Amino acid sequence: QAKLVESGGGLVQPGGSLRPSCTASGFVFSFYTMKWYRQAPGKERELVATIPDDGPGTASADSVKGRFSISRDNAKSTVYLQMNNLKAEDTAEYSCYAQRWGDFYWGQGTQVTVSS
C-alpha cells in the first residue's frame, strides 16, 4: 500500500528554519515527481515546490523563492523542504504529493507555525 509520511514540522520563530521531510513506501519513489503543497486556514492550497524524478527542484510560489528549496534522496525514498528565513505568513499545513502519469499520492500533512 502506497504511503507518504511527513515529519519535521513544528513551531519556529520568525527568521528561523525548518526542514520537513516526507518518506515514501509502497511504490517506486525514484520514478515519481514530488511536490510540496501548503494550506493555511481559510486559504486555498498552494503549490510550494516541485522536484522531478531526475532533475533539480524548483520553488514554485513567488513568496518562497530564495527562501525555500526542495531536494530528494531516492536511496531513502525521502523528499525534503528546506525552509529558511521563515515568516508568519508561512504558517500552514505542509503536505507532500507524489505523481507519475495518472498515479498520485498525498501525505497526511505536517503543521508549520511561525510565531514569536
PDB file of N, CA and C in Angstrom:
ATOM      1  N   GLN A   1       0.845  -1.185   0.000  1.00  0.00           N
ATOM      2  CA  GLN A   1       0.000   0.000   0.000  1.00  0.00           C
ATOM      3  C   GLN A   1       0.888   1.245   0.000  1.00  0.00           C
ATOM      4  N   ALA A   2       0.617   2.146  -0.954  1.00  0.00           N
ATOM      5  CA  ALA A   2       1.410   3.361  -1.064  1.00  0.00           C
ATOM      6  C   ALA A   2       1.140   4.291   0.108  1.00  0.00           C
ATOM      7  N   LYS A   3       2.215   4.908   0.586  1.00  0.00           N
ATOM      8  CA  LYS A   3       2.081   5.775   1.740  1.00  0.00           C
ATOM      9  C   LYS A   3       3.144   6.854   1.700  1.00  0.00           C
ATOM     10  N   LEU A   4       2.763   8.083   2.125  1.00  0.00           N
ATOM     11  CA  LEU A   4       3.682   9.194   2.316  1.00  0.00           C
ATOM     12  C   LEU A   4       3.519   9.688   3.743  1.00  0.00           C
ATOM     13  N   VAL A   5       4.630   9.797   4.455  1.00  0.00           N
ATOM     14  CA  VAL A   5       4.577  10.231   5.845  1.00  0.00           C
ATOM     15  C   VAL A   5       5.494  11.426   6.030  1.00  0.00           C
ATOM     16  N   GLU A   6       4.891  12.568   6.388  1.00  0.00           N
ATOM     17  CA  GLU A   6       5.669  13.781   6.643  1.00  0.00           C
ATOM     18  C   GLU A   6       6.071  13.857   8.106  1.00  0.00           C
ATOM     19  N   SER A   7       7.178  14.546   8.343  1.00  0.00           N
ATOM     20  CA  SER A   7       7.622  14.841   9.695  1.00  0.00           C
ATOM     21  C   SER A   7       8.495  16.085   9.642  1.00  0.00           C
ATOM     22  N   GLY A   8       8.787  16.641  10.807  1.00  0.00           N
ATOM     23  CA  GLY A   8       9.711  17.761  10.853  1.00  0.00           C
ATOM     24  C   GLY A   8       9.073  19.128  10.914  1.00  0.00           C
ATOM     25  N   GLY A   9       7.748  19.180  10.990  1.00  0.00           N
ATOM     26  CA  GLY A   9       7.102  20.471  11.196  1.00  0.00           C
ATOM     27  C   GLY A   9       7.246  20.902  12.645  1.00  0.00           C
ATOM     28  N   GLY A  10       6.625  22.025  12.982  1.00  0.00           N
ATOM     29  CA  GLY A  10       6.687  22.474  14.367  1.00  0.00           C
ATOM     30  C   GLY A  10       6.532  23.965  14.485  1.00  0.00           C
ATOM     31  N   LEU A  11       6.872  24.465  15.663  1.00  0.00           N
ATOM     32  CA  LEU A  11       6.787  25.888  15.973  1.00  0.00           C
ATOM     33  C   LEU A  11       8.180  26.501  15.868  1.00  0.00           C
ATOM     34  N   VAL A  12       8.280  27.604  15.144  1.00  0.00           N
ATOM     35  CA  VAL A  12       9.569  28.264  14.964  1.00  0.00           C
ATOM     36  C   VAL A  12       9.353  29.771  14.998  1.00  0.00           C
ATOM     37  N   GLN A  13      10.358  30.493  15.440  1.00  0.00           N
ATOM     38  CA  GLN A  13      10.268  31.944  15.484  1.00  0.00           C
ATOM     39  C   GLN A  13      10.510  32.534  14.104  1.00  0.00           C
ATOM     40  N   PRO A  14       9.972  33.721  13.858  1.00  0.00           N
ATOM     41  CA  PRO A  14      10.264  34.396  12.575  1.00  0.00           C
ATOM     42  C   PRO A  14      11.764  34.506  12.350  1.00  0.00           C
ATOM     43  N   GLY A  15      12.181  34.242  11.116  1.00  0.00           N
ATOM     44  CA  GLY A  15      13.598  34.253  10.780  1.00  0.00           C
ATOM     45  C   GLY A  15      14.272  32.914  10.951  1.00  0.00           C
ATOM     46  N   GLY A  16      13.584  31.972  11.565  1.00  0.00           N
ATOM     47  CA  GLY A  16      14.165  30.651  11.803  1.00  0.00           C
ATOM     48  C   GLY A  16      14.049  29.732  10.596  1.00  0.00           C
ATOM     49  N   SER A  17      14.481  28.489  10.787  1.00  0.00           N
ATOM     50  CA  SER A  17      14.494  27.494   9.713  1.00  0.00           C
ATOM     51  C   SER A  17      13.860  26.189  10.184  1.00  0.00           C
ATOM     52  N   LEU A  18      13.306  25.479   9.235  1.00  0.00           N
ATOM     53  CA  LEU A  18      12.809  24.124   9.455  1.00  0.00           C
ATOM     54  C   LEU A  18      13.098  23.312   8.198  1.00  0.00           C
ATOM     55  N   ARG A  19      13.142  21.996   8.371  1.00  0.00           N
ATOM     56  CA  ARG A  19      13.371  21.120   7.228  1.00  0.00           C
ATOM     57  C   ARG A  19      12.443  19.902   7.328  1.00  0.00           C
ATOM     58  N   PRO A  20      11.179  20.081   6.960  1.00  0.00           N
ATOM     59  CA  PRO A  20      10.281  18.933   6.953  1.00  0.00           C
ATOM     60  C   PRO A  20      10.741  17.891   5.933  1.00  0.00           C
ATOM     61  N   SER A  21      10.410  16.639   6.223  1.00  0.00           N
ATOM     62  CA  SER A  21      10.719  15.556   5.297  1.00  0.00           C
ATOM     63  C   SER A  21       9.464  14.732   5.047  1.00  0.00           C
ATOM     64  N   CYS A  22       9.507  13.981   3.961  1.00  0.00           N
ATOM     65  CA  CYS A  22       8.381  13.134   3.561  1.00  0.00           C
ATOM     66  C   CYS A  22       8.969  11.828   3.046  1.00  0.00           C
ATOM     67  N   THR A  23       8.639  10.743   3.715  1.00  0.00           N
ATOM     68  CA  THR A  23       9.184   9.437   3.356  1.00  0.00           C
ATOM     69  C   THR A  23       8.101   8.572   2.726  1.00  0.00           C
ATOM     70  N   ALA A  24       8.462   7.975   1.603  1.00  0.00           N
ATOM     71  CA  ALA A  24       7.513   7.179   0.843  1.00  0.00           C
ATOM     72  C   ALA A  24       7.725   5.687   1.062  1.00  0.00           C
ATOM     73  N   SER A  25       6.663   4.949   0.884  1.00  0.00           N
ATOM     74  CA  SER A  25       6.730   3.485   0.903  1.00  0.00           C
ATOM     75  C   SER A  25       5.606   2.939   0.040  1.00  0.00           C
ATOM     76  N   GLY A  26       5.798   1.721  -0.439  1.00  0.00           N
ATOM     77  CA  GLY A  26       4.748   1.063  -1.201  1.00  0.00           C
ATOM     78  C   GLY A  26       4.721   1.375  -2.682  1.00  0.00           C
ATOM     79  N   PHE A  27       5.662   2.188  -3.162  1.00  0.00           N
ATOM     80  CA  PHE A  27       5.775   2.452  -4.593  1.00  0.00           C
ATOM     81  C   PHE A  27       7.219   2.844  -4.898  1.00  0.00           C
ATOM     82  N   VAL A  28       7.565   2.878  -6.176  1.00  0.00           N
ATOM     83  CA  VAL A  28       8.942   3.163  -6.579  1.00  0.00           C
ATOM     84  C   VAL A  28       9.147   4.673  -6.582  1.00  0.00           C
ATOM     85  N   PHE A  29       9.619   5.167  -5.474  1.00  0.00           N
ATOM     86  CA  PHE A  29       9.750   6.608  -5.236  1.00  0.00           C
ATOM     87  C   PHE A  29      10.535   7.301  -6.343  1.00  0.00           C
ATOM     88  N   SER A  30      11.613   6.685  -6.808  1.00  0.00           N
ATOM     89  CA  SER A  30      12.510   7.344  -7.759  1.00  0.00           C
ATOM     90  C   SER A  30      11.855   7.631  -9.102  1.00  0.00           C
ATOM     91  N   PHE A  31      10.722   7.020  -9.390  1.00  0.00           N
ATOM     92  CA  PHE A  31      10.021   7.236 -10.659  1.00  0.00           C
ATOM     93  C   PHE A  31       9.077   8.442 -10.610  1.00  0.00           C
ATOM     94  N   TYR A  32       8.839   8.963  -9.432  1.00  0.00           N
ATOM     95  CA  TYR A  32       7.776   9.941  -9.229  1.00  0.00           C
ATOM     96  C   TYR A  32       8.300  11.370  -9.089  1.00  0.00           C
ATOM     97  N   THR A  33       7.558  12.309  -9.692  1.00  0.00           N
ATOM     98  CA  THR A  33       7.738  13.719  -9.383  1.00  0.00           C
ATOM     99  C   THR A  33       7.157  13.976  -8.005  1.00  0.00           C
ATOM    100  N   MET A  34       7.886  14.739  -7.207  1.00  0.00           N
ATOM    101  CA  MET A  34       7.451  15.039  -5.847  1.00  0.00           C
ATOM    102  C   MET A  34       7.183  16.530  -5.708  1.00  0.00           C
ATOM    103  N   LYS A  35       6.162  16.850  -4.942  1.00  0.00           N
ATOM    104  CA  LYS A  35       5.786  18.243  -4.717  1.00  0.00           C
ATOM    105  C   LYS A  35       5.475  18.465  -3.244  1.00  0.00           C
ATOM    106  N   TRP A  36       5.663  19.695  -2.812  1.00  0.00           N
ATOM    107  CA  TRP A  36       5.178  20.156  -1.518  1.00  0.00           C
ATOM    108  C   TRP A  36       4.096  21.190  -1.757  1.00  0.00           C
ATOM    109  N   TYR A  37       2.993  21.034  -1.059  1.00  0.00           N
ATOM    110  CA  TYR A  37       1.907  21.994  -1.048  1.00  0.00           C
ATOM    111  C   TYR A  37       1.743  22.504   0.384  1.00  0.00           C
ATOM    112  N   ARG A  38       1.064  23.627   0.491  1.00  0.00           N
ATOM    113  CA  ARG A  38       0.691  24.120   1.821  1.00  0.00           C
ATOM    114  C   ARG A  38      -0.700  24.720   1.763  1.00  0.00           C
ATOM    115  N   GLN A  39      -1.346  24.698   2.912  1.00  0.00           N
ATOM    116  CA  GLN A  39      -2.670  25.289   3.028  1.00  0.00           C
ATOM    117  C   GLN A  39      -2.805  25.926   4.389  1.00  0.00           C
ATOM    118  N   ALA A  40      -3.060  27.214   4.367  1.00  0.00           N
ATOM    119  CA  ALA A  40      -3.296  27.959   5.597  1.00  0.00           C
ATOM    120  C   ALA A  40      -4.798  28.033   5.845  1.00  0.00           C
ATOM    121  N   PRO A  41      -5.211  28.222   7.090  1.00  0.00           N
ATOM    122  CA  PRO A  41      -6.652  28.303   7.401  1.00  0.00           C
ATOM    123  C   PRO A  41      -7.332  29.384   6.579  1.00  0.00           C
ATOM    124  N   GLY A  42      -8.416  29.012   5.922  1.00  0.00           N
ATOM    125  CA  GLY A  42      -9.187  29.976   5.165  1.00  0.00           C
ATOM    126  C   GLY A  42      -8.617  30.313   3.796  1.00  0.00           C
ATOM    127  N   LYS A  43      -7.534  29.635   3.422  1.00  0.00           N
ATOM    128  CA  LYS A  43      -6.913  29.911   2.132  1.00  0.00           C
ATOM    129  C   LYS A  43      -6.886  28.653   1.272  1.00  0.00           C
ATOM    130  N   GLU A  44      -6.698  28.843  -0.023  1.00  0.00           N
ATOM    131  CA  GLU A  44      -6.611  27.716  -0.931  1.00  0.00           C
ATOM    132  C   GLU A  44      -5.241  27.043  -0.813  1.00  0.00           C
ATOM    133  N   ARG A  45      -5.237  25.780  -1.191  1.00  0.00           N
ATOM    134  CA  ARG A  45      -3.962  25.051  -1.222  1.00  0.00           C
ATOM    135  C   ARG A  45      -3.037  25.687  -2.256  1.00  0.00           C
ATOM    136  N   GLU A  46      -1.758  25.773  -1.897  1.00  0.00           N
ATOM    137  CA  GLU A  46      -0.770  26.449  -2.744  1.00  0.00           C
ATOM    138  C   GLU A  46       0.388  25.507  -3.024  1.00  0.00           C
ATOM    139  N   LEU A  47       0.798  25.430  -4.288  1.00  0.00           N
ATOM    140  CA  LEU A  47       1.980  24.652  -4.640  1.00  0.00           C
ATOM    141  C   LEU A  47       3.222  25.429  -4.204  1.00  0.00           C
ATOM    142  N   VAL A  48       4.066  24.773  -3.424  1.00  0.00           N
ATOM    143  CA  VAL A  48       5.252  25.434  -2.888  1.00  0.00           C
ATOM    144  C   VAL A  48       6.495  25.113  -3.710  1.00  0.00           C
ATOM    145  N   ALA A  49       6.708  23.840  -4.009  1.00  0.00           N
ATOM    146  CA  ALA A  49       7.935  23.437  -4.707  1.00  0.00           C
ATOM    147  C   ALA A  49       7.735  22.096  -5.378  1.00  0.00           C
ATOM    148  N   THR A  50       8.523  21.871  -6.438  1.00  0.00           N
ATOM    149  CA  THR A  50       8.443  20.653  -7.242  1.00  0.00           C
ATOM    150  C   THR A  50       9.833  20.125  -7.521  1.00  0.00           C
ATOM    151  N   ILE A  51       9.979  18.819  -7.509  1.00  0.00           N
ATOM    152  CA  ILE A  51      11.235  18.213  -7.941  1.00  0.00           C
ATOM    153  C   ILE A  51      10.911  16.985  -8.787  1.00  0.00           C
ATOM    154  N   PRO A  52      11.383  16.944 -10.025  1.00  0.00           N
ATOM    155  CA  PRO A  52      11.112  15.795 -10.885  1.00  0.00           C
ATOM    156  C   PRO A  52      11.937  14.592 -10.459  1.00  0.00           C
ATOM    157  N   ASP A  53      11.682  13.468 -11.100  1.00  0.00           N
ATOM    158  CA  ASP A  53      12.366  12.243 -10.693  1.00  0.00           C
ATOM    159  C   ASP A  53      13.868  12.310 -10.920  1.00  0.00           C
ATOM    160  N   ASP A  54      14.291  13.120 -11.886  1.00  0.00           N
ATOM    161  CA  ASP A  54      15.711  13.098 -12.242  1.00  0.00           C
ATOM    162  C   ASP A  54      16.324  14.477 -12.449  1.00  0.00           C
ATOM    163  N   GLY A  55      15.701  15.502 -11.934  1.00  0.00           N
ATOM    164  CA  GLY A  55      16.258  16.826 -12.161  1.00  0.00           C
ATOM    165  C   GLY A  55      16.274  17.683 -10.928  1.00  0.00           C
ATOM    166  N   PRO A  56      16.728  18.915 -11.056  1.00  0.00           N
ATOM    167  CA  PRO A  56      16.754  19.812  -9.898  1.00  0.00           C
ATOM    168  C   PRO A  56      15.352  20.263  -9.515  1.00  0.00           C
ATOM    169  N   GLY A  57      15.209  20.628  -8.279  1.00  0.00           N
ATOM    170  CA  GLY A  57      13.929  21.103  -7.801  1.00  0.00           C
ATOM    171  C   GLY A  57      13.751  22.582  -8.040  1.00  0.00           C
ATOM    172  N   THR A  58      12.499  23.017  -8.015  1.00  0.00           N
ATOM    173  CA  THR A  58      12.187  24.421  -8.199  1.00  0.00           C
ATOM    174  C   THR A  58      11.163  24.859  -7.162  1.00  0.00           C
ATOM    175  N   ALA A  59      11.334  26.060  -6.677  1.00  0.00           N
ATOM    176  CA  ALA A  59      10.343  26.656  -5.784  1.00  0.00           C
ATOM    177  C   ALA A  59       9.321  27.366  -6.663  1.00  0.00           C
ATOM    178  N   SER A  60       8.068  26.976  -6.522  1.00  0.00           N
ATOM    179  CA  SER A  60       7.042  27.477  -7.435  1.00  0.00           C
ATOM    180  C   SER A  60       6.386  28.761  -6.963  1.00  0.00           C
ATOM    181  N   ALA A  61       6.187  28.888  -5.680  1.00  0.00           N
ATOM    182  CA  ALA A  61       5.492  30.057  -5.174  1.00  0.00           C
ATOM    183  C   ALA A  61       6.440  31.244  -5.098  1.00  0.00           C
ATOM    184  N   ASP A  62       6.043  32.378  -5.655  1.00  0.00           N
ATOM    185  CA  ASP A  62       6.883  33.573  -5.625  1.00  0.00           C
ATOM    186  C   ASP A  62       7.225  33.977  -4.201  1.00  0.00           C
ATOM    187  N   SER A  63       6.318  33.722  -3.298  1.00  0.00           N
ATOM    188  CA  SER A  63       6.504  34.142  -1.916  1.00  0.00           C
ATOM    189  C   SER A  63       7.606  33.370  -1.195  1.00  0.00           C
ATOM    190  N   VAL A  64       8.032  32.234  -1.754  1.00  0.00           N
ATOM    191  CA  VAL A  64       9.053  31.439  -1.078  1.00  0.00           C
ATOM    192  C   VAL A  64      10.358  31.355  -1.852  1.00  0.00           C
ATOM    193  N   LYS A  65      10.384  31.899  -3.058  1.00  0.00           N
ATOM    194  CA  LYS A  65      11.612  31.850  -3.858  1.00  0.00           C
ATOM    195  C   LYS A  65      12.747  32.573  -3.141  1.00  0.00           C
ATOM    196  N   GLY A  66      13.902  31.911  -3.126  1.00  0.00           N
ATOM    197  CA  GLY A  66      15.047  32.469  -2.416  1.00  0.00           C
ATOM    198  C   GLY A  66      15.099  32.075  -0.955  1.00  0.00           C
ATOM    199  N   ARG A  67      14.008  31.492  -0.443  1.00  0.00           N
ATOM    200  CA  ARG A  67      13.981  31.091   0.973  1.00  0.00           C
ATOM    201  C   ARG A  67      13.789  29.581   1.132  1.00  0.00           C
ATOM    202  N   PHE A  68      13.004  28.979   0.252  1.00  0.00           N
ATOM    203  CA  PHE A  68      12.701  27.547   0.337  1.00  0.00           C
ATOM    204  C   PHE A  68      13.405  26.810  -0.803  1.00  0.00           C
ATOM    205  N   SER A  69      13.792  25.576  -0.539  1.00  0.00           N
ATOM    206  CA  SER A  69      14.323  24.710  -1.587  1.00  0.00           C
ATOM    207  C   SER A  69      13.895  23.279  -1.331  1.00  0.00           C
ATOM    208  N   ILE A  70      13.717  22.543  -2.415  1.00  0.00           N
ATOM    209  CA  ILE A  70      13.279  21.156  -2.336  1.00  0.00           C
ATOM    210  C   ILE A  70      14.411  20.257  -2.809  1.00  0.00           C
ATOM    211  N   SER A  71      14.562  19.117  -2.163  1.00  0.00           N
ATOM    212  CA  SER A  71      15.569  18.139  -2.562  1.00  0.00           C
ATOM    213  C   SER A  71      15.028  16.746  -2.288  1.00  0.00           C
ATOM    214  N   ARG A  72      15.703  15.760  -2.821  1.00  0.00           N
ATOM    215  CA  ARG A  72      15.257  14.388  -2.615  1.00  0.00           C
ATOM    216  C   ARG A  72      16.451  13.461  -2.486  1.00  0.00           C
ATOM    217  N   ASP A  73      16.228  12.364  -1.774  1.00  0.00           N
ATOM    218  CA  ASP A  73      17.210  11.302  -1.640  1.00  0.00           C
ATOM    219  C   ASP A  73      16.501  10.022  -2.060  1.00  0.00           C
ATOM    220  N   ASN A  74      16.719   9.604  -3.281  1.00  0.00           N
ATOM    221  CA  ASN A  74      15.999   8.436  -3.784  1.00  0.00           C
ATOM    222  C   ASN A  74      16.384   7.164  -3.037  1.00  0.00           C
ATOM    223  N   ALA A  75      17.605   7.101  -2.528  1.00  0.00           N
ATOM    224  CA  ALA A  75      18.029   5.921  -1.777  1.00  0.00           C
ATOM    225  C   ALA A  75      17.240   5.776  -0.475  1.00  0.00           C
ATOM    226  N   LYS A  76      16.766   6.899   0.049  1.00  0.00           N
ATOM    227  CA  LYS A  76      15.980   6.884   1.293  1.00  0.00           C
ATOM    228  C   LYS A  76      14.493   7.083   1.025  1.00  0.00           C
ATOM    229  N   SER A  77      14.122   7.198  -0.251  1.00  0.00           N
ATOM    230  CA  SER A  77      12.709   7.433  -0.616  1.00  0.00           C
ATOM    231  C   SER A  77      12.133   8.634   0.142  1.00  0.00           C
ATOM    232  N   THR A  78      12.919   9.686   0.198  1.00  0.00           N
ATOM    233  CA  THR A  78      12.543  10.835   1.009  1.00  0.00           C
ATOM    234  C   THR A  78      12.741  12.127   0.229  1.00  0.00           C
ATOM    235  N   VAL A  79      11.795  13.042   0.408  1.00  0.00           N
ATOM    236  CA  VAL A  79      11.894  14.381  -0.152  1.00  0.00           C
ATOM    237  C   VAL A  79      11.909  15.365   1.010  1.00  0.00           C
ATOM    238  N   TYR A  80      12.665  16.436   0.848  1.00  0.00           N
ATOM    239  CA  TYR A  80      12.834  17.434   1.904  1.00  0.00           C
ATOM    240  C   TYR A  80      12.395  18.807   1.407  1.00  0.00           C
ATOM    241  N   LEU A  81      12.007  19.636   2.353  1.00  0.00           N
ATOM    242  CA  LEU A  81      11.721  21.035   2.052  1.00  0.00           C
ATOM    243  C   LEU A  81      12.510  21.875   3.051  1.00  0.00           C
ATOM    244  N   GLN A  82      13.588  22.481   2.577  1.00  0.00           N
ATOM    245  CA  GLN A  82      14.388  23.364   3.425  1.00  0.00           C
ATOM    246  C   GLN A  82      13.744  24.741   3.427  1.00  0.00           C
ATOM    247  N   MET A  83      13.364  25.206   4.603  1.00  0.00           N
ATOM    248  CA  MET A  83      12.674  26.481   4.729  1.00  0.00           C
ATOM    249  C   MET A  83      13.516  27.395   5.607  1.00  0.00           C
ATOM    250  N   ASN A  84      13.983  28.482   5.024  1.00  0.00           N
ATOM    251  CA  ASN A  84      14.813  29.448   5.736  1.00  0.00           C
ATOM    252  C   ASN A  84      14.114  30.796   5.835  1.00  0.00           C
ATOM    253  N   ASN A  85      14.558  31.595   6.772  1.00  0.00           N
ATOM    254  CA  ASN A  85      14.010  32.939   6.960  1.00  0.00           C
ATOM    255  C   ASN A  85      12.479  32.904   6.996  1.00  0.00           C
ATOM    256  N   LEU A  86      11.959  32.045   7.841  1.00  0.00           N
ATOM    257  CA  LEU A  86      10.511  31.840   7.902  1.00  0.00           C
ATOM    258  C   LEU A  86       9.787  33.080   8.388  1.00  0.00           C
ATOM    259  N   LYS A  87       8.589  33.269   7.837  1.00  0.00           N
ATOM    260  CA  LYS A  87       7.754  34.416   8.166  1.00  0.00           C
ATOM    261  C   LYS A  87       6.418  33.914   8.704  1.00  0.00           C
ATOM    262  N   ALA A  88       5.708  34.789   9.383  1.00  0.00           N
ATOM    263  CA  ALA A  88       4.409  34.414   9.943  1.00  0.00           C
ATOM    264  C   ALA A  88       3.467  33.900   8.854  1.00  0.00           C
ATOM    265  N   GLU A  89       3.554  34.476   7.678  1.00  0.00           N
ATOM    266  CA  GLU A  89       2.664  34.069   6.586  1.00  0.00           C
ATOM    267  C   GLU A  89       3.009  32.705   6.003  1.00  0.00           C
ATOM    268  N   ASP A  90       4.100  32.088   6.456  1.00  0.00           N
ATOM    269  CA  ASP A  90       4.420  30.725   6.047  1.00  0.00           C
ATOM    270  C   ASP A  90       3.680  29.698   6.908  1.00  0.00           C
ATOM    271  N   THR A  91       2.997  30.149   7.928  1.00  0.00           N
ATOM    272  CA  THR A  91       2.237  29.245   8.780  1.00  0.00           C
ATOM    273  C   THR A  91       1.165  28.531   7.968  1.00  0.00           C
ATOM    274  N   ALA A  92       1.199  27.194   7.991  1.00  0.00           N
ATOM    275  CA  ALA A  92       0.269  26.390   7.197  1.00  0.00           C
ATOM    276  C   ALA A  92       0.512  24.918   7.490  1.00  0.00           C
ATOM    277  N   GLU A  93      -0.379  24.099   6.971  1.00  0.00           N
ATOM    278  CA  GLU A  93      -0.118  22.661   6.959  1.00  0.00           C
ATOM    279  C   GLU A  93       0.588  22.352   5.638  1.00  0.00           C
ATOM    280  N   TYR A  94       1.708  21.662   5.741  1.00  0.00           N
ATOM    281  CA  TYR A  94       2.508  21.332   4.567  1.00  0.00           C
ATOM    282  C   TYR A  94       2.337  19.847   4.258  1.00  0.00           C
ATOM    283  N   SER A  95       2.022  19.569   2.998  1.00  0.00           N
ATOM    284  CA  SER A  95       1.771  18.189   2.577  1.00  0.00           C
ATOM    285  C   SER A  95       2.630  17.851   1.372  1.00  0.00           C
ATOM    286  N   CYS A  96       3.102  16.625   1.321  1.00  0.00           N
ATOM    287  CA  CYS A  96       3.833  16.186   0.133  1.00  0.00           C
ATOM    288  C   CYS A  96       2.911  15.399  -0.791  1.00  0.00           C
ATOM    289  N   TYR A  97       3.304  15.351  -2.040  1.00  0.00           N
ATOM    290  CA  TYR A  97       2.469  14.791  -3.103  1.00  0.00           C
ATOM    291  C   TYR A  97       3.387  14.105  -4.093  1.00  0.00           C
ATOM    292  N   ALA A  98       3.026  12.891  -4.472  1.00  0.00           N
ATOM    293  CA  ALA A  98       3.789  12.126  -5.446  1.00  0.00           C
ATOM    294  C   ALA A  98       2.938  11.902  -6.690  1.00  0.00           C
ATOM    295  N   GLN A  99       3.554  12.089  -7.852  1.00  0.00           N
ATOM    296  CA  GLN A  99       2.791  11.928  -9.094  1.00  0.00           C
ATOM    297  C   GLN A  99       3.642  11.275 -10.173  1.00  0.00           C
ATOM    298  N   ARG A 100       3.021  10.319 -10.866  1.00  0.00           N
ATOM    299  CA  ARG A 100       3.623   9.729 -12.063  1.00  0.00           C
ATOM    300  C   ARG A 100       2.491   9.326 -12.980  1.00  0.00           C
ATOM    301  N   TRP A 101       2.382   9.992 -14.082  1.00  0.00           N
ATOM    302  CA  TRP A 101       1.285   9.779 -15.014  1.00  0.00           C
ATOM    303  C   TRP A 101      -0.050   9.911 -14.252  1.00  0.00           C
ATOM    304  N   GLY A 102      -0.873   8.902 -14.282  1.00  0.00           N
ATOM    305  CA  GLY A 102      -2.172   9.001 -13.620  1.00  0.00           C
ATOM    306  C   GLY A 102      -2.165   8.597 -12.158  1.00  0.00           C
ATOM    307  N   ASP A 103      -1.037   8.158 -11.652  1.00  0.00           N
ATOM    308  CA  ASP A 103      -0.937   7.761 -10.250  1.00  0.00           C
ATOM    309  C   ASP A 103      -0.522   8.953  -9.398  1.00  0.00           C
ATOM    310  N   PHE A 104      -1.142   9.105  -8.263  1.00  0.00           N
ATOM    311  CA  PHE A 104      -0.734  10.161  -7.344  1.00  0.00           C
ATOM    312  C   PHE A 104      -1.076   9.754  -5.917  1.00  0.00           C
ATOM    313  N   TYR A 105      -0.289  10.298  -4.988  1.00  0.00           N
ATOM    314  CA  TYR A 105      -0.482  10.000  -3.565  1.00  0.00           C
ATOM    315  C   TYR A 105      -0.250  11.277  -2.757  1.00  0.00           C
ATOM    316  N   TRP A 106      -0.998  11.387  -1.661  1.00  0.00           N
ATOM    317  CA  TRP A 106      -0.864  12.522  -0.738  1.00  0.00           C
ATOM    318  C   TRP A 106      -0.386  12.016   0.625  1.00  0.00           C
ATOM    319  N   GLY A 107       0.413  12.855   1.272  1.00  0.00           N
ATOM    320  CA  GLY A 107       0.739  12.610   2.662  1.00  0.00           C
ATOM    321  C   GLY A 107      -0.334  13.204   3.554  1.00  0.00           C
ATOM    322  N   GLN A 108      -0.207  12.949   4.857  1.00  0.00           N
ATOM    323  CA  GLN A 108      -1.227  13.415   5.797  1.00  0.00           C
ATOM    324  C   GLN A 108      -1.005  14.855   6.252  1.00  0.00           C
ATOM    325  N   GLY A 109       0.183  15.399   5.984  1.00  0.00           N
ATOM    326  CA  GLY A 109       0.483  16.781   6.322  1.00  0.00           C
ATOM    327  C   GLY A 109       1.238  16.934   7.627  1.00  0.00           C
ATOM    328  N   THR A 110       1.993  18.022   7.708  1.00  0.00           N
ATOM    329  CA  THR A 110       2.692  18.383   8.939  1.00  0.00           C
ATOM    330  C   THR A 110       2.513  19.890   9.153  1.00  0.00           C
ATOM    331  N   GLN A 111       2.201  20.268  10.380  1.00  0.00           N
ATOM    332  CA  GLN A 111       1.899  21.667  10.669  1.00  0.00           C
ATOM    333  C   GLN A 111       3.184  22.455  10.908  1.00  0.00           C
ATOM    334  N   VAL A 112       3.264  23.604  10.264  1.00  0.00           N
ATOM    335  CA  VAL A 112       4.362  24.552  10.488  1.00  0.00           C
ATOM    336  C   VAL A 112       3.746  25.849  10.995  1.00  0.00           C
ATOM    337  N   THR A 113       4.184  26.276  12.159  1.00  0.00           N
ATOM    338  CA  THR A 113       3.689  27.511  12.752  1.00  0.00           C
ATOM    339  C   THR A 113       4.867  28.440  13.006  1.00  0.00           C
ATOM    340  N   VAL A 114       4.776  29.638  12.448  1.00  0.00           N
ATOM    341  CA  VAL A 114       5.835  30.638  12.620  1.00  0.00           C
ATOM    342  C   VAL A 114       5.287  31.754  13.497  1.00  0.00           C
ATOM    343  N   SER A 115       5.825  31.848  14.686  1.00  0.00           N
ATOM    344  CA  SER A 115       5.307  32.809  15.652  1.00  0.00           C
ATOM    345  C   SER A 115       6.356  33.094  16.712  1.00  0.00           C
ATOM    346  N   SER A 116       6.319  34.323  17.196  1.00  0.00           N
ATOM    347  CA  SER A 116       7.220  34.691  18.288  1.00  0.00           C
ATOM    348  C   SER A 116       6.525  34.520  19.638  1.00  0.00           C
TER     349      SER A 116
END
